Amino acid sequence: MGAFEYKQVLVFRTDLQMSKGKIAAQAGHAAVSAAQAAFNQHKKWWEAWMYEGQKKVAVKVADEKELGELEEAADQLGLPHALIVDRGLTQVPEGTVTCLGIGPAPAEKIDRLTGKLKLL
């Protein structure tokens, strides 16, 4: 199998300074929720991503404003996505937007949106 043609990107806010465990939990929420959106909206993308091995990339943004701008752009590009809002049971207050899952989708479509973001 060659290069990955499909991927999922998980985008995290760095201003929240979440612990590694909290980031891992939020990553799970974002990955599952965005994958469900892809399954519902673009089943062929989801199937190809599953077959390829479910590539995921974790990147970072500075704050909620930047995350919201990415969500809006993902929506405009027709990319499946899921914005994660925390219930406030542990490290952050209820209603805190923690991360955004984008895809799975064709890598070149996601890269147009997230390709310049730094890895987490």
PDB file of N, CA and C in Angstrom:
ATOM      1  N   MET A   1       0.848  -1.178   0.000  1.00  0.00           N
ATOM      2  CA  MET A   1       0.000   0.000   0.000  1.00  0.00           C
ATOM      3  C   MET A   1       0.895   1.244   0.000  1.00  0.00           C
ATOM      4  N   GLY A   2       0.549   2.230  -0.809  1.00  0.00           N
ATOM      5  CA  GLY A   2       1.338   3.455  -0.941  1.00  0.00           C
ATOM      6  C   GLY A   2       0.972   4.497   0.097  1.00  0.00           C
ATOM      7  N   ALA A   3       1.062   5.732  -0.321  1.00  0.00           N
ATOM      8  CA  ALA A   3       0.759   6.866   0.553  1.00  0.00           C
ATOM      9  C   ALA A   3      -0.719   6.874   0.928  1.00  0.00           C
ATOM     10  N   PHE A   4      -0.996   7.487   2.061  1.00  0.00           N
ATOM     11  CA  PHE A   4      -2.381   7.618   2.502  1.00  0.00           C
ATOM     12  C   PHE A   4      -3.092   8.659   1.641  1.00  0.00           C
ATOM     13  N   GLU A   5      -4.251   8.305   1.138  1.00  0.00           N
ATOM     14  CA  GLU A   5      -5.053   9.249   0.358  1.00  0.00           C
ATOM     15  C   GLU A   5      -6.108   9.925   1.217  1.00  0.00           C
ATOM     16  N   TYR A   6      -6.398   9.349   2.377  1.00  0.00           N
ATOM     17  CA  TYR A   6      -7.422   9.879   3.285  1.00  0.00           C
ATOM     18  C   TYR A   6      -6.816  10.026   4.668  1.00  0.00           C
ATOM     19  N   LYS A   7      -7.314  11.020   5.396  1.00  0.00           N
ATOM     20  CA  LYS A   7      -6.843  11.184   6.763  1.00  0.00           C
ATOM     21  C   LYS A   7      -7.861  11.958   7.582  1.00  0.00           C
ATOM     22  N   GLN A   8      -7.578  11.978   8.864  1.00  0.00           N
ATOM     23  CA  GLN A   8      -8.366  12.740   9.820  1.00  0.00           C
ATOM     24  C   GLN A   8      -7.389  13.640  10.569  1.00  0.00           C
ATOM     25  N   VAL A   9      -7.799  14.865  10.845  1.00  0.00           N
ATOM     26  CA  VAL A   9      -6.962  15.789  11.600  1.00  0.00           C
ATOM     27  C   VAL A   9      -7.705  16.194  12.867  1.00  0.00           C
ATOM     28  N   LEU A  10      -6.996  16.127  13.975  1.00  0.00           N
ATOM     29  CA  LEU A  10      -7.536  16.532  15.268  1.00  0.00           C
ATOM     30  C   LEU A  10      -6.816  17.801  15.685  1.00  0.00           C
ATOM     31  N   VAL A  11      -7.587  18.863  15.937  1.00  0.00           N
ATOM     32  CA  VAL A  11      -7.033  20.188  16.210  1.00  0.00           C
ATOM     33  C   VAL A  11      -7.320  20.565  17.661  1.00  0.00           C
ATOM     34  N   PHE A  12      -6.259  20.903  18.399  1.00  0.00           N
ATOM     35  CA  PHE A  12      -6.388  21.198  19.830  1.00  0.00           C
ATOM     36  C   PHE A  12      -6.017  22.633  20.155  1.00  0.00           C
ATOM     37  N   ARG A  13      -6.707  23.194  21.117  1.00  0.00           N
ATOM     38  CA  ARG A  13      -6.384  24.522  21.653  1.00  0.00           C
ATOM     39  C   ARG A  13      -5.219  24.396  22.617  1.00  0.00           C
ATOM     40  N   THR A  14      -4.201  25.238  22.454  1.00  0.00           N
ATOM     41  CA  THR A  14      -3.067  25.195  23.379  1.00  0.00           C
ATOM     42  C   THR A  14      -3.273  26.103  24.588  1.00  0.00           C
ATOM     43  N   ASP A  15      -4.197  27.055  24.484  1.00  0.00           N
ATOM     44  CA  ASP A  15      -4.406  27.977  25.606  1.00  0.00           C
ATOM     45  C   ASP A  15      -5.034  27.307  26.828  1.00  0.00           C
ATOM     46  N   LEU A  16      -5.618  26.123  26.651  1.00  0.00           N
ATOM     47  CA  LEU A  16      -6.263  25.447  27.776  1.00  0.00           C
ATOM     48  C   LEU A  16      -5.271  24.685  28.649  1.00  0.00           C
ATOM     49  N   GLN A  17      -4.100  24.405  28.127  1.00  0.00           N
ATOM     50  CA  GLN A  17      -3.064  23.676  28.860  1.00  0.00           C
ATOM     51  C   GLN A  17      -3.616  22.405  29.507  1.00  0.00           C
ATOM     52  N   MET A  18      -4.312  21.593  28.703  1.00  0.00           N
ATOM     53  CA  MET A  18      -4.874  20.334  29.190  1.00  0.00           C
ATOM     54  C   MET A  18      -3.757  19.319  29.446  1.00  0.00           C
ATOM     55  N   SER A  19      -3.986  18.439  30.393  1.00  0.00           N
ATOM     56  CA  SER A  19      -3.030  17.369  30.674  1.00  0.00           C
ATOM     57  C   SER A  19      -3.016  16.382  29.500  1.00  0.00           C
ATOM     58  N   LYS A  20      -2.009  15.524  29.474  1.00  0.00           N
ATOM     59  CA  LYS A  20      -1.927  14.517  28.419  1.00  0.00           C
ATOM     60  C   LYS A  20      -3.152  13.602  28.433  1.00  0.00           C
ATOM     61  N   GLY A  21      -3.596  13.249  29.623  1.00  0.00           N
ATOM     62  CA  GLY A  21      -4.773  12.388  29.729  1.00  0.00           C
ATOM     63  C   GLY A  21      -6.027  13.064  29.203  1.00  0.00           C
ATOM     64  N   LYS A  22      -6.183  14.345  29.515  1.00  0.00           N
ATOM     65  CA  LYS A  22      -7.344  15.098  29.034  1.00  0.00           C
ATOM     66  C   LYS A  22      -7.295  15.221  27.515  1.00  0.00           C
ATOM     67  N   ILE A  23      -6.109  15.489  26.974  1.00  0.00           N
ATOM     68  CA  ILE A  23      -5.962  15.578  25.521  1.00  0.00           C
ATOM     69  C   ILE A  23      -6.323  14.241  24.876  1.00  0.00           C
ATOM     70  N   ALA A  24      -5.870  13.151  25.471  1.00  0.00           N
ATOM     71  CA  ALA A  24      -6.172  11.830  24.928  1.00  0.00           C
ATOM     72  C   ALA A  24      -7.685  11.571  24.917  1.00  0.00           C
ATOM     73  N   ALA A  25      -8.357  11.935  25.990  1.00  0.00           N
ATOM     74  CA  ALA A  25      -9.805  11.749  26.049  1.00  0.00           C
ATOM     75  C   ALA A  25     -10.522  12.606  25.010  1.00  0.00           C
ATOM     76  N   GLN A  26     -10.103  13.851  24.880  1.00  0.00           N
ATOM     77  CA  GLN A  26     -10.721  14.749  23.906  1.00  0.00           C
ATOM     78  C   GLN A  26     -10.437  14.276  22.478  1.00  0.00           C
ATOM     79  N   ALA A  27      -9.233  13.723  22.258  1.00  0.00           N
ATOM     80  CA  ALA A  27      -8.889  13.174  20.942  1.00  0.00           C
ATOM     81  C   ALA A  27      -9.838  12.034  20.587  1.00  0.00           C
ATOM     82  N   GLY A  28     -10.132  11.202  21.564  1.00  0.00           N
ATOM     83  CA  GLY A  28     -11.081  10.113  21.328  1.00  0.00           C
ATOM     84  C   GLY A  28     -12.446  10.633  20.938  1.00  0.00           C
ATOM     85  N   HIS A  29     -12.925  11.627  21.656  1.00  0.00           N
ATOM     86  CA  HIS A  29     -14.230  12.219  21.316  1.00  0.00           C
ATOM     87  C   HIS A  29     -14.226  12.783  19.897  1.00  0.00           C
ATOM     88  N   ALA A  30     -13.172  13.533  19.570  1.00  0.00           N
ATOM     89  CA  ALA A  30     -13.098  14.178  18.254  1.00  0.00           C
ATOM     90  C   ALA A  30     -12.982  13.150  17.133  1.00  0.00           C
ATOM     91  N   ALA A  31     -12.152  12.130  17.340  1.00  0.00           N
ATOM     92  CA  ALA A  31     -11.950  11.117  16.303  1.00  0.00           C
ATOM     93  C   ALA A  31     -13.239  10.345  16.020  1.00  0.00           C
ATOM     94  N   VAL A  32     -13.902   9.906  17.076  1.00  0.00           N
ATOM     95  CA  VAL A  32     -15.130   9.121  16.901  1.00  0.00           C
ATOM     96  C   VAL A  32     -16.248   9.983  16.314  1.00  0.00           C
ATOM     97  N   SER A  33     -16.421  11.176  16.843  1.00  0.00           N
ATOM     98  CA  SER A  33     -17.517  12.041  16.379  1.00  0.00           C
ATOM     99  C   SER A  33     -17.327  12.486  14.935  1.00  0.00           C
ATOM    100  N   ALA A  34     -16.110  12.856  14.560  1.00  0.00           N
ATOM    101  CA  ALA A  34     -15.854  13.270  13.176  1.00  0.00           C
ATOM    102  C   ALA A  34     -15.966  12.082  12.229  1.00  0.00           C
ATOM    103  N   ALA A  35     -15.499  10.904  12.668  1.00  0.00           N
ATOM    104  CA  ALA A  35     -15.633   9.708  11.833  1.00  0.00           C
ATOM    105  C   ALA A  35     -17.108   9.370  11.610  1.00  0.00           C
ATOM    106  N   GLN A  36     -17.932   9.550  12.625  1.00  0.00           N
ATOM    107  CA  GLN A  36     -19.369   9.302  12.472  1.00  0.00           C
ATOM    108  C   GLN A  36     -19.973  10.285  11.477  1.00  0.00           C
ATOM    109  N   ALA A  37     -19.543  11.534  11.544  1.00  0.00           N
ATOM    110  CA  ALA A  37     -20.023  12.531  10.578  1.00  0.00           C
ATOM    111  C   ALA A  37     -19.622  12.131   9.161  1.00  0.00           C
ATOM    112  N   ALA A  38     -18.390  11.653   8.997  1.00  0.00           N
ATOM    113  CA  ALA A  38     -17.942  11.214   7.667  1.00  0.00           C
ATOM    114  C   ALA A  38     -18.748  10.015   7.195  1.00  0.00           C
ATOM    115  N   PHE A  39     -18.998   9.073   8.089  1.00  0.00           N
ATOM    116  CA  PHE A  39     -19.800   7.899   7.740  1.00  0.00           C
ATOM    117  C   PHE A  39     -21.178   8.327   7.249  1.00  0.00           C
ATOM    118  N   ASN A  40     -21.771   9.308   7.915  1.00  0.00           N
ATOM    119  CA  ASN A  40     -23.105   9.779   7.552  1.00  0.00           C
ATOM    120  C   ASN A  40     -23.127  10.597   6.264  1.00  0.00           C
ATOM    121  N   GLN A  41     -22.078  11.392   6.034  1.00  0.00           N
ATOM    122  CA  GLN A  41     -22.076  12.336   4.917  1.00  0.00           C
ATOM    123  C   GLN A  41     -21.318  11.841   3.686  1.00  0.00           C
ATOM    124  N   HIS A  42     -20.248  11.089   3.897  1.00  0.00           N
ATOM    125  CA  HIS A  42     -19.360  10.655   2.805  1.00  0.00           C
ATOM    126  C   HIS A  42     -18.882   9.238   3.090  1.00  0.00           C
ATOM    127  N   LYS A  43     -19.783   8.277   2.981  1.00  0.00           N
ATOM    128  CA  LYS A  43     -19.452   6.908   3.372  1.00  0.00           C
ATOM    129  C   LYS A  43     -18.255   6.357   2.604  1.00  0.00           C
ATOM    130  N   LYS A  44     -18.085   6.705   1.340  1.00  0.00           N
ATOM    131  CA  LYS A  44     -16.942   6.203   0.561  1.00  0.00           C
ATOM    132  C   LYS A  44     -15.618   6.724   1.131  1.00  0.00           C
ATOM    133  N   TRP A  45     -15.586   7.971   1.594  1.00  0.00           N
ATOM    134  CA  TRP A  45     -14.383   8.509   2.235  1.00  0.00           C
ATOM    135  C   TRP A  45     -14.082   7.720   3.500  1.00  0.00           C
ATOM    136  N   TRP A  46     -15.104   7.487   4.304  1.00  0.00           N
ATOM    137  CA  TRP A  46     -14.950   6.746   5.554  1.00  0.00           C
ATOM    138  C   TRP A  46     -14.434   5.337   5.274  1.00  0.00           C
ATOM    139  N   GLU A  47     -15.018   4.662   4.288  1.00  0.00           N
ATOM    140  CA  GLU A  47     -14.600   3.299   3.957  1.00  0.00           C
ATOM    141  C   GLU A  47     -13.143   3.248   3.496  1.00  0.00           C
ATOM    142  N   ALA A  48     -12.747   4.193   2.645  1.00  0.00           N
ATOM    143  CA  ALA A  48     -11.365   4.227   2.149  1.00  0.00           C
ATOM    144  C   ALA A  48     -10.393   4.486   3.300  1.00  0.00           C
ATOM    145  N   TRP A  49     -10.750   5.397   4.183  1.00  0.00           N
ATOM    146  CA  TRP A  49      -9.920   5.713   5.358  1.00  0.00           C
ATOM    147  C   TRP A  49      -9.776   4.499   6.261  1.00  0.00           C
ATOM    148  N   MET A  50     -10.854   3.788   6.490  1.00  0.00           N
ATOM    149  CA  MET A  50     -10.806   2.569   7.298  1.00  0.00           C
ATOM    150  C   MET A  50      -9.878   1.548   6.657  1.00  0.00           C
ATOM    151  N   TYR A  51      -9.993   1.360   5.362  1.00  0.00           N
ATOM    152  CA  TYR A  51      -9.193   0.380   4.630  1.00  0.00           C
ATOM    153  C   TYR A  51      -7.706   0.732   4.679  1.00  0.00           C
ATOM    154  N   GLU A  52      -7.393   2.009   4.575  1.00  0.00           N
ATOM    155  CA  GLU A  52      -5.993   2.462   4.561  1.00  0.00           C
ATOM    156  C   GLU A  52      -5.312   2.386   5.925  1.00  0.00           C
ATOM    157  N   GLY A  53      -6.052   2.314   6.996  1.00  0.00           N
ATOM    158  CA  GLY A  53      -5.443   2.253   8.319  1.00  0.00           C
ATOM    159  C   GLY A  53      -5.766   3.409   9.243  1.00  0.00           C
ATOM    160  N   GLN A  54      -6.692   4.267   8.853  1.00  0.00           N
ATOM    161  CA  GLN A  54      -7.220   5.328   9.720  1.00  0.00           C
ATOM    162  C   GLN A  54      -6.166   6.348  10.140  1.00  0.00           C
ATOM    163  N   LYS A  55      -5.457   6.921   9.185  1.00  0.00           N
ATOM    164  CA  LYS A  55      -4.440   7.930   9.495  1.00  0.00           C
ATOM    165  C   LYS A  55      -5.060   9.110  10.234  1.00  0.00           C
ATOM    166  N   LYS A  56      -4.364   9.508  11.321  1.00  0.00           N
ATOM    167  CA  LYS A  56      -4.770  10.670  12.110  1.00  0.00           C
ATOM    168  C   LYS A  56      -3.558  11.548  12.361  1.00  0.00           C
ATOM    169  N   VAL A  57      -3.766  12.850  12.365  1.00  0.00           N
ATOM    170  CA  VAL A  57      -2.712  13.800  12.649  1.00  0.00           C
ATOM    171  C   VAL A  57      -3.248  14.768  13.695  1.00  0.00           C
ATOM    172  N   ALA A  58      -2.451  15.046  14.722  1.00  0.00           N
ATOM    173  CA  ALA A  58      -2.848  15.995  15.772  1.00  0.00           C
ATOM    174  C   ALA A  58      -2.065  17.291  15.592  1.00  0.00           C
ATOM    175  N   VAL A  59      -2.803  18.397  15.512  1.00  0.00           N
ATOM    176  CA  VAL A  59      -2.200  19.715  15.332  1.00  0.00           C
ATOM    177  C   VAL A  59      -2.747  20.667  16.385  1.00  0.00           C
ATOM    178  N   LYS A  60      -2.200  21.885  16.402  1.00  0.00           N
ATOM    179  CA  LYS A  60      -2.606  22.821  17.449  1.00  0.00           C
ATOM    180  C   LYS A  60      -2.920  24.200  16.893  1.00  0.00           C
ATOM    181  N   VAL A  61      -3.793  24.880  17.625  1.00  0.00           N
ATOM    182  CA  VAL A  61      -4.113  26.289  17.378  1.00  0.00           C
ATOM    183  C   VAL A  61      -3.996  27.016  18.712  1.00  0.00           C
ATOM    184  N   ALA A  62      -3.986  28.325  18.650  1.00  0.00           N
ATOM    185  CA  ALA A  62      -3.765  29.125  19.855  1.00  0.00           C
ATOM    186  C   ALA A  62      -4.980  29.183  20.774  1.00  0.00           C
ATOM    187  N   ASP A  63      -6.185  29.285  20.189  1.00  0.00           N
ATOM    188  CA  ASP A  63      -7.339  29.582  21.036  1.00  0.00           C
ATOM    189  C   ASP A  63      -8.658  29.190  20.366  1.00  0.00           C
ATOM    190  N   GLU A  64      -9.745  29.458  21.069  1.00  0.00           N
ATOM    191  CA  GLU A  64     -11.085  29.098  20.600  1.00  0.00           C
ATOM    192  C   GLU A  64     -11.453  29.845  19.318  1.00  0.00           C
ATOM    193  N   LYS A  65     -11.015  31.079  19.177  1.00  0.00           N
ATOM    194  CA  LYS A  65     -11.318  31.856  17.979  1.00  0.00           C
ATOM    195  C   LYS A  65     -10.746  31.168  16.737  1.00  0.00           C
ATOM    196  N   GLU A  66      -9.501  30.765  16.823  1.00  0.00           N
ATOM    197  CA  GLU A  66      -8.851  30.104  15.694  1.00  0.00           C
ATOM    198  C   GLU A  66      -9.527  28.755  15.392  1.00  0.00           C
ATOM    199  N   LEU A  67      -9.920  28.040  16.439  1.00  0.00           N
ATOM    200  CA  LEU A  67     -10.602  26.763  16.263  1.00  0.00           C
ATOM    201  C   LEU A  67     -11.949  26.974  15.572  1.00  0.00           C
ATOM    202  N   GLY A  68     -12.671  28.014  15.983  1.00  0.00           N
ATOM    203  CA  GLY A  68     -13.961  28.329  15.366  1.00  0.00           C
ATOM    204  C   GLY A  68     -13.836  28.697  13.904  1.00  0.00           C
ATOM    205  N   GLU A  69     -12.785  29.415  13.569  1.00  0.00           N
ATOM    206  CA  GLU A  69     -12.548  29.771  12.168  1.00  0.00           C
ATOM    207  C   GLU A  69     -12.289  28.523  11.330  1.00  0.00           C
ATOM    208  N   LEU A  70     -11.556  27.561  11.897  1.00  0.00           N
ATOM    209  CA  LEU A  70     -11.310  26.303  11.191  1.00  0.00           C
ATOM    210  C   LEU A  70     -12.600  25.513  11.005  1.00  0.00           C
ATOM    211  N   GLU A  71     -13.439  25.496  12.035  1.00  0.00           N
ATOM    212  CA  GLU A  71     -14.711  24.779  11.916  1.00  0.00           C
ATOM    213  C   GLU A  71     -15.559  25.388  10.805  1.00  0.00           C
ATOM    214  N   GLU A  72     -15.635  26.697  10.766  1.00  0.00           N
ATOM    215  CA  GLU A  72     -16.413  27.386   9.732  1.00  0.00           C
ATOM    216  C   GLU A  72     -15.859  27.064   8.338  1.00  0.00           C
ATOM    217  N   ALA A  73     -14.547  27.071   8.200  1.00  0.00           N
ATOM    218  CA  ALA A  73     -13.924  26.762   6.911  1.00  0.00           C
ATOM    219  C   ALA A  73     -14.173  25.311   6.516  1.00  0.00           C
ATOM    220  N   ALA A  74     -14.103  24.386   7.475  1.00  0.00           N
ATOM    221  CA  ALA A  74     -14.386  22.976   7.193  1.00  0.00           C
ATOM    222  C   ALA A  74     -15.815  22.817   6.691  1.00  0.00           C
ATOM    223  N   ASP A  75     -16.728  23.539   7.314  1.00  0.00           N
ATOM    224  CA  ASP A  75     -18.126  23.502   6.910  1.00  0.00           C
ATOM    225  C   ASP A  75     -18.281  24.026   5.479  1.00  0.00           C
ATOM    226  N   GLN A  76     -17.647  25.140   5.174  1.00  0.00           N
ATOM    227  CA  GLN A  76     -17.726  25.732   3.838  1.00  0.00           C
ATOM    228  C   GLN A  76     -17.126  24.824   2.770  1.00  0.00           C
ATOM    229  N   LEU A  77     -16.099  24.051   3.140  1.00  0.00           N
ATOM    230  CA  LEU A  77     -15.460  23.129   2.195  1.00  0.00           C
ATOM    231  C   LEU A  77     -16.180  21.787   2.086  1.00  0.00           C
ATOM    232  N   GLY A  78     -17.213  21.606   2.897  1.00  0.00           N
ATOM    233  CA  GLY A  78     -17.965  20.353   2.863  1.00  0.00           C
ATOM    234  C   GLY A  78     -17.236  19.187   3.509  1.00  0.00           C
ATOM    235  N   LEU A  79     -16.321  19.491   4.433  1.00  0.00           N
ATOM    236  CA  LEU A  79     -15.584  18.439   5.120  1.00  0.00           C
ATOM    237  C   LEU A  79     -16.343  17.987   6.366  1.00  0.00           C
ATOM    238  N   PRO A  80     -16.461  16.686   6.573  1.00  0.00           N
ATOM    239  CA  PRO A  80     -17.093  16.229   7.812  1.00  0.00           C
ATOM    240  C   PRO A  80     -16.237  16.656   8.999  1.00  0.00           C
ATOM    241  N   HIS A  81     -16.891  17.077  10.063  1.00  0.00           N
ATOM    242  CA  HIS A  81     -16.149  17.568  11.220  1.00  0.00           C
ATOM    243  C   HIS A  81     -17.010  17.497  12.473  1.00  0.00           C
ATOM    244  N   ALA A  82     -16.341  17.621  13.610  1.00  0.00           N
ATOM    245  CA  ALA A  82     -17.046  17.622  14.892  1.00  0.00           C
ATOM    246  C   ALA A  82     -16.302  18.529  15.868  1.00  0.00           C
ATOM    247  N   LEU A  83     -16.994  19.501  16.397  1.00  0.00           N
ATOM    248  CA  LEU A  83     -16.456  20.396  17.418  1.00  0.00           C
ATOM    249  C   LEU A  83     -16.780  19.784  18.785  1.00  0.00           C
ATOM    250  N   ILE A  84     -15.779  19.655  19.627  1.00  0.00           N
ATOM    251  CA  ILE A  84     -15.971  18.998  20.920  1.00  0.00           C
ATOM    252  C   ILE A  84     -16.109  20.041  22.030  1.00  0.00           C
ATOM    253  N   VAL A  85     -17.210  19.938  22.750  1.00  0.00           N
ATOM    254  CA  VAL A  85     -17.523  20.836  23.860  1.00  0.00           C
ATOM    255  C   VAL A  85     -17.551  19.993  25.133  1.00  0.00           C
ATOM    256  N   ASP A  86     -16.714  20.341  26.095  1.00  0.00           N
ATOM    257  CA  ASP A  86     -16.543  19.536  27.297  1.00  0.00           C
ATOM    258  C   ASP A  86     -17.710  19.677  28.271  1.00  0.00           C
ATOM    259  N   ARG A  87     -17.972  18.604  29.000  1.00  0.00           N
ATOM    260  CA  ARG A  87     -19.042  18.611  30.001  1.00  0.00           C
ATOM    261  C   ARG A  87     -18.605  19.228  31.319  1.00  0.00           C
ATOM    262  N   GLY A  88     -17.324  19.489  31.481  1.00  0.00           N
ATOM    263  CA  GLY A  88     -16.853  20.168  32.684  1.00  0.00           C
ATOM    264  C   GLY A  88     -16.713  19.298  33.906  1.00  0.00           C
ATOM    265  N   LEU A  89     -16.479  18.020  33.728  1.00  0.00           N
ATOM    266  CA  LEU A  89     -16.380  17.117  34.869  1.00  0.00           C
ATOM    267  C   LEU A  89     -14.982  17.043  35.478  1.00  0.00           C
ATOM    268  N   THR A  90     -13.973  17.526  34.750  1.00  0.00           N
ATOM    269  CA  THR A  90     -12.605  17.401  35.275  1.00  0.00           C
ATOM    270  C   THR A  90     -11.845  18.727  35.217  1.00  0.00           C
ATOM    271  N   GLN A  91     -11.094  18.989  34.154  1.00  0.00           N
ATOM    272  CA  GLN A  91     -10.109  20.073  34.143  1.00  0.00           C
ATOM    273  C   GLN A  91     -10.575  21.405  33.590  1.00  0.00           C
ATOM    274  N   VAL A  92     -11.624  21.410  32.826  1.00  0.00           N
ATOM    275  CA  VAL A  92     -12.083  22.665  32.216  1.00  0.00           C
ATOM    276  C   VAL A  92     -13.553  22.881  32.554  1.00  0.00           C
ATOM    277  N   PRO A  93     -13.994  24.130  32.557  1.00  0.00           N
ATOM    278  CA  PRO A  93     -15.404  24.409  32.867  1.00  0.00           C
ATOM    279  C   PRO A  93     -16.357  23.831  31.823  1.00  0.00           C
ATOM    280  N   GLU A  94     -17.564  23.529  32.270  1.00  0.00           N
ATOM    281  CA  GLU A  94     -18.604  23.037  31.363  1.00  0.00           C
ATOM    282  C   GLU A  94     -18.789  24.013  30.203  1.00  0.00           C
ATOM    283  N   GLY A  95     -18.913  23.467  29.009  1.00  0.00           N
ATOM    284  CA  GLY A  95     -19.131  24.282  27.827  1.00  0.00           C
ATOM    285  C   GLY A  95     -17.852  24.737  27.134  1.00  0.00           C
ATOM    286  N   THR A  96     -16.697  24.347  27.665  1.00  0.00           N
ATOM    287  CA  THR A  96     -15.428  24.724  27.039  1.00  0.00           C
ATOM    288  C   THR A  96     -15.237  23.956  25.740  1.00  0.00           C
ATOM    289  N   VAL A  97     -14.965  24.675  24.671  1.00  0.00           N
ATOM    290  CA  VAL A  97     -14.651  24.056  23.382  1.00  0.00           C
ATOM    291  C   VAL A  97     -13.183  23.641  23.437  1.00  0.00           C
ATOM    292  N   THR A  98     -12.919  22.342  23.308  1.00  0.00           N
ATOM    293  CA  THR A  98     -11.562  21.836  23.492  1.00  0.00           C
ATOM    294  C   THR A  98     -10.830  21.517  22.193  1.00  0.00           C
ATOM    295  N   CYS A  99     -11.545  20.945  21.234  1.00  0.00           N
ATOM    296  CA  CYS A  99     -10.868  20.523  20.013  1.00  0.00           C
ATOM    297  C   CYS A  99     -11.869  20.342  18.876  1.00  0.00           C
ATOM    298  N   LEU A 100     -11.307  20.071  17.703  1.00  0.00           N
ATOM    299  CA  LEU A 100     -12.086  19.901  16.481  1.00  0.00           C
ATOM    300  C   LEU A 100     -11.528  18.711  15.724  1.00  0.00           C
ATOM    301  N   GLY A 101     -12.392  17.792  15.352  1.00  0.00           N
ATOM    302  CA  GLY A 101     -12.007  16.686  14.480  1.00  0.00           C
ATOM    303  C   GLY A 101     -12.462  17.009  13.072  1.00  0.00           C
ATOM    304  N   ILE A 102     -11.587  16.833  12.099  1.00  0.00           N
ATOM    305  CA  ILE A 102     -11.913  17.072  10.691  1.00  0.00           C
ATOM    306  C   ILE A 102     -11.601  15.798   9.912  1.00  0.00           C
ATOM    307  N   GLY A 103     -12.582  15.320   9.177  1.00  0.00           N
ATOM    308  CA  GLY A 103     -12.406  14.110   8.396  1.00  0.00           C
ATOM    309  C   GLY A 103     -12.797  12.884   9.194  1.00  0.00           C
ATOM    310  N   PRO A 104     -12.614  11.751   8.561  1.00  0.00           N
ATOM    311  CA  PRO A 104     -11.772  11.462   7.418  1.00  0.00           C
ATOM    312  C   PRO A 104     -12.314  12.037   6.114  1.00  0.00           C
ATOM    313  N   ALA A 105     -11.346  12.435   5.295  1.00  0.00           N
ATOM    314  CA  ALA A 105     -11.632  13.026   3.989  1.00  0.00           C
ATOM    315  C   ALA A 105     -10.361  12.895   3.144  1.00  0.00           C
ATOM    316  N   PRO A 106     -10.470  13.179   1.844  1.00  0.00           N
ATOM    317  CA  PRO A 106      -9.259  13.156   1.026  1.00  0.00           C
ATOM    318  C   PRO A 106      -8.197  14.079   1.621  1.00  0.00           C
ATOM    319  N   ALA A 107      -6.975  13.575   1.716  1.00  0.00           N
ATOM    320  CA  ALA A 107      -5.882  14.311   2.354  1.00  0.00           C
ATOM    321  C   ALA A 107      -5.670  15.681   1.731  1.00  0.00           C
ATOM    322  N   GLU A 108      -5.769  15.785   0.399  1.00  0.00           N
ATOM    323  CA  GLU A 108      -5.506  17.081  -0.228  1.00  0.00           C
ATOM    324  C   GLU A 108      -6.567  18.115   0.150  1.00  0.00           C
ATOM    325  N   LYS A 109      -7.793  17.684   0.400  1.00  0.00           N
ATOM    326  CA  LYS A 109      -8.840  18.617   0.830  1.00  0.00           C
ATOM    327  C   LYS A 109      -8.575  19.108   2.252  1.00  0.00           C
ATOM    328  N   ILE A 110      -8.202  18.204   3.131  1.00  0.00           N
ATOM    329  CA  ILE A 110      -7.920  18.585   4.513  1.00  0.00           C
ATOM    330  C   ILE A 110      -6.657  19.443   4.589  1.00  0.00           C
ATOM    331  N   ASP A 111      -5.653  19.092   3.775  1.00  0.00           N
ATOM    332  CA  ASP A 111      -4.390  19.846   3.813  1.00  0.00           C
ATOM    333  C   ASP A 111      -4.574  21.304   3.408  1.00  0.00           C
ATOM    334  N   ARG A 112      -5.542  21.581   2.542  1.00  0.00           N
ATOM    335  CA  ARG A 112      -5.827  22.974   2.174  1.00  0.00           C
ATOM    336  C   ARG A 112      -6.195  23.799   3.399  1.00  0.00           C
ATOM    337  N   LEU A 113      -6.824  23.143   4.354  1.00  0.00           N
ATOM    338  CA  LEU A 113      -7.305  23.818   5.553  1.00  0.00           C
ATOM    339  C   LEU A 113      -6.299  23.759   6.710  1.00  0.00           C
ATOM    340  N   THR A 114      -5.647  22.617   6.881  1.00  0.00           N
ATOM    341  CA  THR A 114      -4.834  22.408   8.087  1.00  0.00           C
ATOM    342  C   THR A 114      -3.345  22.198   7.807  1.00  0.00           C
ATOM    343  N   GLY A 115      -2.951  22.218   6.548  1.00  0.00           N
ATOM    344  CA  GLY A 115      -1.577  21.878   6.179  1.00  0.00           C
ATOM    345  C   GLY A 115      -0.492  22.761   6.780  1.00  0.00           C
ATOM    346  N   LYS A 116      -0.827  23.983   7.158  1.00  0.00           N
ATOM    347  CA  LYS A 116       0.187  24.896   7.723  1.00  0.00           C
ATOM    348  C   LYS A 116       0.199  24.918   9.241  1.00  0.00           C
ATOM    349  N   LEU A 117      -0.714  24.162   9.865  1.00  0.00           N
ATOM    350  CA  LEU A 117      -0.745  24.128  11.335  1.00  0.00           C
ATOM    351  C   LEU A 117       0.394  23.279  11.860  1.00  0.00           C
ATOM    352  N   LYS A 118       0.897  23.636  13.030  1.00  0.00           N
ATOM    353  CA  LYS A 118       2.001  22.887  13.653  1.00  0.00           C
ATOM    354  C   LYS A 118       1.468  21.659  14.363  1.00  0.00           C
ATOM    355  N   LEU A 119       2.288  20.606  14.359  1.00  0.00           N
ATOM    356  CA  LEU A 119       1.928  19.381  15.071  1.00  0.00           C
ATOM    357  C   LEU A 119       1.811  19.650  16.559  1.00  0.00           C
ATOM    358  N   LEU A 120       0.915  18.934  17.196  1.00  0.00           N
ATOM    359  CA  LEU A 120       0.704  19.078  18.644  1.00  0.00           C
ATOM    360  C   LEU A 120       1.934  18.578  19.388  1.00  0.00           C
TER     361      LEU A 120
END
